N, C-alpha and C. Protein backbone atom coordinates (compact mmCIF):
# COMPACT_ATOMS: atom_id res chain seq x y z
N UNK A 1 -71.37 -17.64 -22.19
CA UNK A 1 -72.01 -18.41 -23.93
C UNK A 1 -70.65 -18.50 -23.67
N UNK A 2 -71.08 -19.37 -25.07
CA UNK A 2 -69.28 -18.93 -26.35
C UNK A 2 -69.48 -18.46 -27.43
N UNK A 3 -68.70 -17.90 -28.10
CA UNK A 3 -68.80 -17.24 -29.37
C UNK A 3 -69.94 -18.27 -30.85
N UNK A 4 -69.50 -20.05 -30.38
CA UNK A 4 -69.93 -20.60 -30.98
C UNK A 4 -71.86 -20.57 -30.87
N UNK A 5 -72.00 -19.94 -29.85
CA UNK A 5 -73.59 -19.13 -29.59
C UNK A 5 -73.85 -17.92 -30.45
N UNK A 6 -72.98 -17.34 -31.01
CA UNK A 6 -73.58 -16.17 -31.75
C UNK A 6 -73.18 -16.01 -33.00
N UNK A 7 -74.61 -15.68 -34.10
CA UNK A 7 -75.53 -16.35 -35.08
C UNK A 7 -74.88 -15.09 -35.81
N UNK A 8 -74.59 -15.40 -36.87
CA UNK A 8 -73.99 -13.50 -37.74
C UNK A 8 -75.44 -12.95 -38.05
N UNK A 9 -75.63 -11.34 -37.97
CA UNK A 9 -77.11 -10.93 -38.28
C UNK A 9 -77.04 -10.54 -39.92
N UNK A 10 -76.27 -10.63 -40.98
CA UNK A 10 -76.94 -10.74 -42.18
C UNK A 10 -78.19 -11.52 -42.74
N UNK A 11 -79.35 -11.32 -43.50
CA UNK A 11 -80.01 -12.02 -43.42
C UNK A 11 -79.83 -12.98 -44.00
N UNK A 12 -80.71 -14.32 -43.18
CA UNK A 12 -80.22 -15.97 -44.40
C UNK A 12 -79.45 -16.22 -44.21
N UNK A 13 -78.25 -15.41 -43.03
CA UNK A 13 -77.08 -16.40 -42.76
C UNK A 13 -77.06 -17.12 -41.39
N UNK A 14 -76.37 -18.27 -40.96
CA UNK A 14 -77.28 -19.32 -39.71
C UNK A 14 -75.59 -19.31 -39.63
N UNK A 15 -74.41 -18.77 -40.54
CA UNK A 15 -73.11 -19.48 -39.65
C UNK A 15 -72.96 -19.01 -38.27
N UNK A 16 -71.88 -19.17 -37.54
CA UNK A 16 -71.10 -18.46 -36.14
C UNK A 16 -70.57 -17.23 -36.42
N UNK A 17 -70.66 -16.45 -35.34
CA UNK A 17 -70.48 -15.11 -35.82
C UNK A 17 -69.23 -15.54 -35.59
N UNK A 18 -67.94 -14.11 -36.26
CA UNK A 18 -66.90 -14.30 -35.84
C UNK A 18 -66.21 -13.16 -35.13
N UNK A 19 -67.44 -12.38 -35.85
CA UNK A 19 -66.79 -11.03 -35.27
C UNK A 19 -68.07 -9.77 -34.90
N UNK A 20 -67.66 -9.10 -34.16
CA UNK A 20 -69.27 -8.11 -33.34
C UNK A 20 -68.43 -6.77 -34.25
N UNK A 21 -69.97 -5.72 -34.67
CA UNK A 21 -69.91 -4.86 -35.31
C UNK A 21 -70.36 -3.55 -34.49
N UNK A 22 -69.61 -2.79 -33.59
CA UNK A 22 -70.19 -2.09 -32.67
C UNK A 22 -70.73 -0.48 -33.70
N UNK A 23 -71.90 -0.18 -33.32
CA UNK A 23 -72.42 0.91 -33.95
C UNK A 23 -73.44 1.77 -33.14
N UNK A 24 -72.89 3.26 -33.97
CA UNK A 24 -74.47 4.11 -33.90
C UNK A 24 -74.85 4.99 -34.33
N UNK A 25 -76.28 5.48 -34.90
CA UNK A 25 -76.10 6.53 -35.00
C UNK A 25 -76.86 7.85 -34.36
N UNK A 26 -75.90 8.69 -34.97
CA UNK A 26 -75.09 10.12 -34.17
C UNK A 26 -76.31 10.72 -34.74
N UNK A 27 -77.76 10.93 -35.70
CA UNK A 27 -78.75 11.77 -35.68
C UNK A 27 -79.50 11.45 -34.65
N UNK A 28 -79.61 10.26 -33.90
CA UNK A 28 -80.45 10.16 -33.03
C UNK A 28 -80.15 9.60 -31.47
N UNK A 29 -79.28 9.15 -31.86
CA UNK A 29 -78.34 8.57 -30.08
C UNK A 29 -76.84 9.67 -30.23
N UNK A 30 -76.89 9.82 -28.70
CA UNK A 30 -75.99 9.69 -28.58
C UNK A 30 -74.49 8.76 -28.28
N UNK A 31 -73.95 9.39 -27.86
CA UNK A 31 -72.22 7.97 -28.32
C UNK A 31 -72.75 6.83 -26.86
N UNK A 32 -73.58 7.23 -25.60
CA UNK A 32 -73.83 6.15 -25.05
C UNK A 32 -74.94 4.62 -25.09
N UNK A 33 -75.61 5.40 -26.59
CA UNK A 33 -76.63 4.52 -27.48
C UNK A 33 -75.82 3.48 -28.50
N UNK A 34 -75.14 2.26 -28.17
CA UNK A 34 -74.34 1.07 -29.44
C UNK A 34 -74.91 -0.07 -29.27
N UNK A 35 -75.26 -0.11 -31.01
CA UNK A 35 -76.01 -1.37 -30.96
C UNK A 35 -74.73 -2.48 -31.19
N UNK A 36 -75.15 -3.59 -31.87
CA UNK A 36 -74.04 -4.54 -32.13
C UNK A 36 -74.40 -5.46 -33.03
N UNK A 37 -74.00 -5.35 -34.28
CA UNK A 37 -74.97 -6.59 -35.45
C UNK A 37 -73.57 -7.92 -35.14
N UNK A 38 -73.40 -8.97 -35.32
CA UNK A 38 -72.57 -9.95 -35.40
C UNK A 38 -72.31 -10.56 -36.59
N UNK A 39 -71.04 -10.79 -37.34
CA UNK A 39 -70.84 -11.05 -38.24
C UNK A 39 -70.21 -12.55 -38.75
N UNK A 40 -70.23 -13.63 -39.15
CA UNK A 40 -69.29 -14.25 -39.80
C UNK A 40 -68.43 -13.63 -40.97
N UNK A 41 -67.54 -14.74 -40.83
CA UNK A 41 -65.75 -13.99 -42.03
C UNK A 41 -66.67 -13.69 -43.19
N UNK A 42 -67.22 -14.14 -43.49
CA UNK A 42 -68.06 -14.14 -44.92
C UNK A 42 -68.47 -12.38 -45.42
N UNK A 43 -69.61 -12.43 -44.02
CA UNK A 43 -70.68 -11.09 -44.27
C UNK A 43 -70.08 -9.90 -43.60
N UNK A 44 -68.30 -9.97 -42.66
CA UNK A 44 -68.10 -8.82 -41.70
C UNK A 44 -68.20 -7.83 -42.72
N UNK A 45 -67.01 -7.52 -43.63
CA UNK A 45 -66.98 -6.77 -44.41
C UNK A 45 -68.11 -5.72 -45.27
N UNK A 46 -69.06 -6.25 -45.75
CA UNK A 46 -69.96 -6.84 -45.76
C UNK A 46 -71.23 -5.82 -44.90
N UNK A 47 -71.34 -6.23 -44.03
CA UNK A 47 -71.77 -5.08 -43.01
C UNK A 47 -71.73 -4.08 -42.48
N UNK A 48 -69.87 -4.27 -42.48
CA UNK A 48 -69.18 -2.79 -42.37
C UNK A 48 -69.14 -1.93 -42.77
N UNK A 49 -68.84 -2.49 -44.40
CA UNK A 49 -69.28 -0.85 -45.35
C UNK A 49 -71.00 -0.67 -45.46
N UNK A 50 -71.87 -1.51 -44.71
CA UNK A 50 -73.12 -1.03 -44.91
C UNK A 50 -73.12 0.38 -44.39
N UNK A 51 -72.77 -0.27 -42.85
CA UNK A 51 -73.05 0.91 -41.85
C UNK A 51 -71.99 1.92 -42.20
N UNK A 52 -70.71 2.35 -41.98
CA UNK A 52 -69.91 3.20 -42.44
C UNK A 52 -70.86 4.15 -43.73
N UNK A 53 -70.91 2.87 -45.07
CA UNK A 53 -71.36 4.08 -45.86
C UNK A 53 -72.25 5.11 -45.52
N UNK A 54 -73.34 5.30 -44.51
CA UNK A 54 -74.34 5.51 -43.96
C UNK A 54 -73.56 7.28 -43.36
N UNK A 55 -72.58 6.68 -42.33
CA UNK A 55 -72.16 8.09 -41.65
C UNK A 55 -72.04 7.69 -40.79
N UNK A 56 -72.45 6.19 -39.76
CA UNK A 56 -73.06 5.71 -38.67
C UNK A 56 -71.13 5.02 -38.27
N UNK A 57 -70.29 5.86 -37.56
CA UNK A 57 -69.10 5.50 -35.95
C UNK A 57 -69.50 3.68 -36.30
N UNK A 58 -68.48 2.79 -36.61
CA UNK A 58 -68.13 1.60 -36.30
C UNK A 58 -67.04 0.91 -35.90
N UNK A 59 -67.21 -0.20 -34.72
CA UNK A 59 -66.29 -0.37 -34.02
C UNK A 59 -65.87 -1.95 -35.35
N UNK A 60 -65.30 -2.62 -35.49
CA UNK A 60 -65.18 -3.94 -35.10
C UNK A 60 -64.20 -4.64 -34.70
N UNK A 61 -64.68 -6.00 -33.74
CA UNK A 61 -64.18 -6.05 -33.12
C UNK A 61 -64.19 -7.85 -32.50
N UNK A 62 -62.71 -8.85 -32.41
CA UNK A 62 -62.72 -10.16 -32.94
C UNK A 62 -64.03 -10.11 -31.71
N UNK A 63 -65.18 -11.54 -31.98
CA UNK A 63 -66.06 -11.75 -31.18
C UNK A 63 -65.67 -12.16 -29.44
N UNK A 64 -64.61 -12.41 -29.23
CA UNK A 64 -63.80 -12.95 -28.07
C UNK A 64 -63.58 -11.06 -27.41
N UNK A 65 -63.42 -10.52 -27.88
CA UNK A 65 -63.27 -9.35 -27.65
C UNK A 65 -64.61 -8.77 -26.74
N UNK A 66 -65.91 -9.47 -27.64
CA UNK A 66 -67.06 -7.44 -26.97
C UNK A 66 -67.24 -8.33 -25.61
N UNK A 67 -67.30 -6.92 -24.57
CA UNK A 67 -67.66 -6.64 -24.10
C UNK A 67 -68.94 -7.73 -23.34
N UNK A 68 -69.23 -7.38 -21.74
CA UNK A 68 -70.58 -7.89 -21.66
C UNK A 68 -71.98 -7.28 -21.93
N UNK A 69 -71.69 -5.81 -21.48
CA UNK A 69 -72.02 -4.61 -21.25
C UNK A 69 -73.10 -4.63 -22.90
N UNK A 70 -72.07 -5.56 -23.91
CA UNK A 70 -72.39 -4.90 -24.97
C UNK A 70 -73.55 -6.37 -25.91
N UNK A 71 -72.89 -7.27 -25.22
CA UNK A 71 -73.87 -8.51 -25.12
C UNK A 71 -75.24 -8.45 -25.60
N UNK A 72 -75.52 -8.75 -26.62
CA UNK A 72 -77.15 -8.68 -27.12
C UNK A 72 -77.70 -9.64 -26.33
N UNK A 73 -78.74 -9.11 -25.60
CA UNK A 73 -80.00 -10.22 -24.88
C UNK A 73 -79.79 -11.23 -24.73
N UNK A 74 -80.00 -12.58 -24.30
CA UNK A 74 -80.17 -13.92 -25.16
C UNK A 74 -79.38 -14.51 -25.63
N UNK A 75 -78.19 -14.02 -25.45
CA UNK A 75 -77.10 -14.16 -27.37
C UNK A 75 -77.40 -14.07 -28.15
N UNK A 76 -77.37 -14.58 -29.22
CA UNK A 76 -77.63 -15.25 -30.72
C UNK A 76 -77.36 -13.62 -30.98
N UNK A 77 -78.50 -13.18 -32.38
CA UNK A 77 -78.82 -11.73 -32.78
C UNK A 77 -79.00 -10.78 -31.80
N UNK A 78 -79.16 -9.94 -32.52
CA UNK A 78 -79.27 -8.57 -31.76
C UNK A 78 -80.92 -8.05 -32.84
N UNK A 79 -82.23 -7.75 -32.25
CA UNK A 79 -82.89 -7.38 -33.81
C UNK A 79 -82.31 -6.27 -34.55
N UNK A 80 -82.36 -6.17 -35.65
CA UNK A 80 -82.43 -4.59 -36.50
C UNK A 80 -83.18 -4.93 -37.81
N UNK A 81 -83.47 -3.72 -37.67
CA UNK A 81 -85.15 -2.99 -38.97
C UNK A 81 -85.08 -4.44 -39.98
N UNK A 82 -85.87 -4.99 -40.70
CA UNK A 82 -86.17 -5.93 -41.31
C UNK A 82 -85.88 -5.19 -42.77
N UNK A 83 -85.46 -5.42 -43.92
CA UNK A 83 -84.87 -4.85 -44.83
C UNK A 83 -83.64 -4.09 -44.67
N UNK A 84 -82.95 -4.20 -43.68
CA UNK A 84 -81.86 -2.82 -43.82
C UNK A 84 -80.45 -3.95 -44.26
N UNK A 85 -80.46 -5.03 -44.21
CA UNK A 85 -79.08 -5.42 -44.80
C UNK A 85 -79.61 -6.69 -45.83
N UNK A 86 -79.18 -6.76 -46.61
CA UNK A 86 -79.18 -7.37 -47.42
C UNK A 86 -78.27 -8.97 -47.40
């Protein structure tokens, strides 16, 4: 997969993702359980702020630095609960 195969996770956005936001909810998952949201240039800051404001540990990295173990199954967007991100 190439970086252009990944699409931003922001609702309604179909732009190519440039960043990976690796995060977890520490109230329900230990450090070994992490999720990945993908972000384009426009939405990276907003998505990071959304996660951080909820107290979720979040790391941002360029998509080409995303470890294969964190790549969403089948590429593309990881699933996220409806209504979470605007």
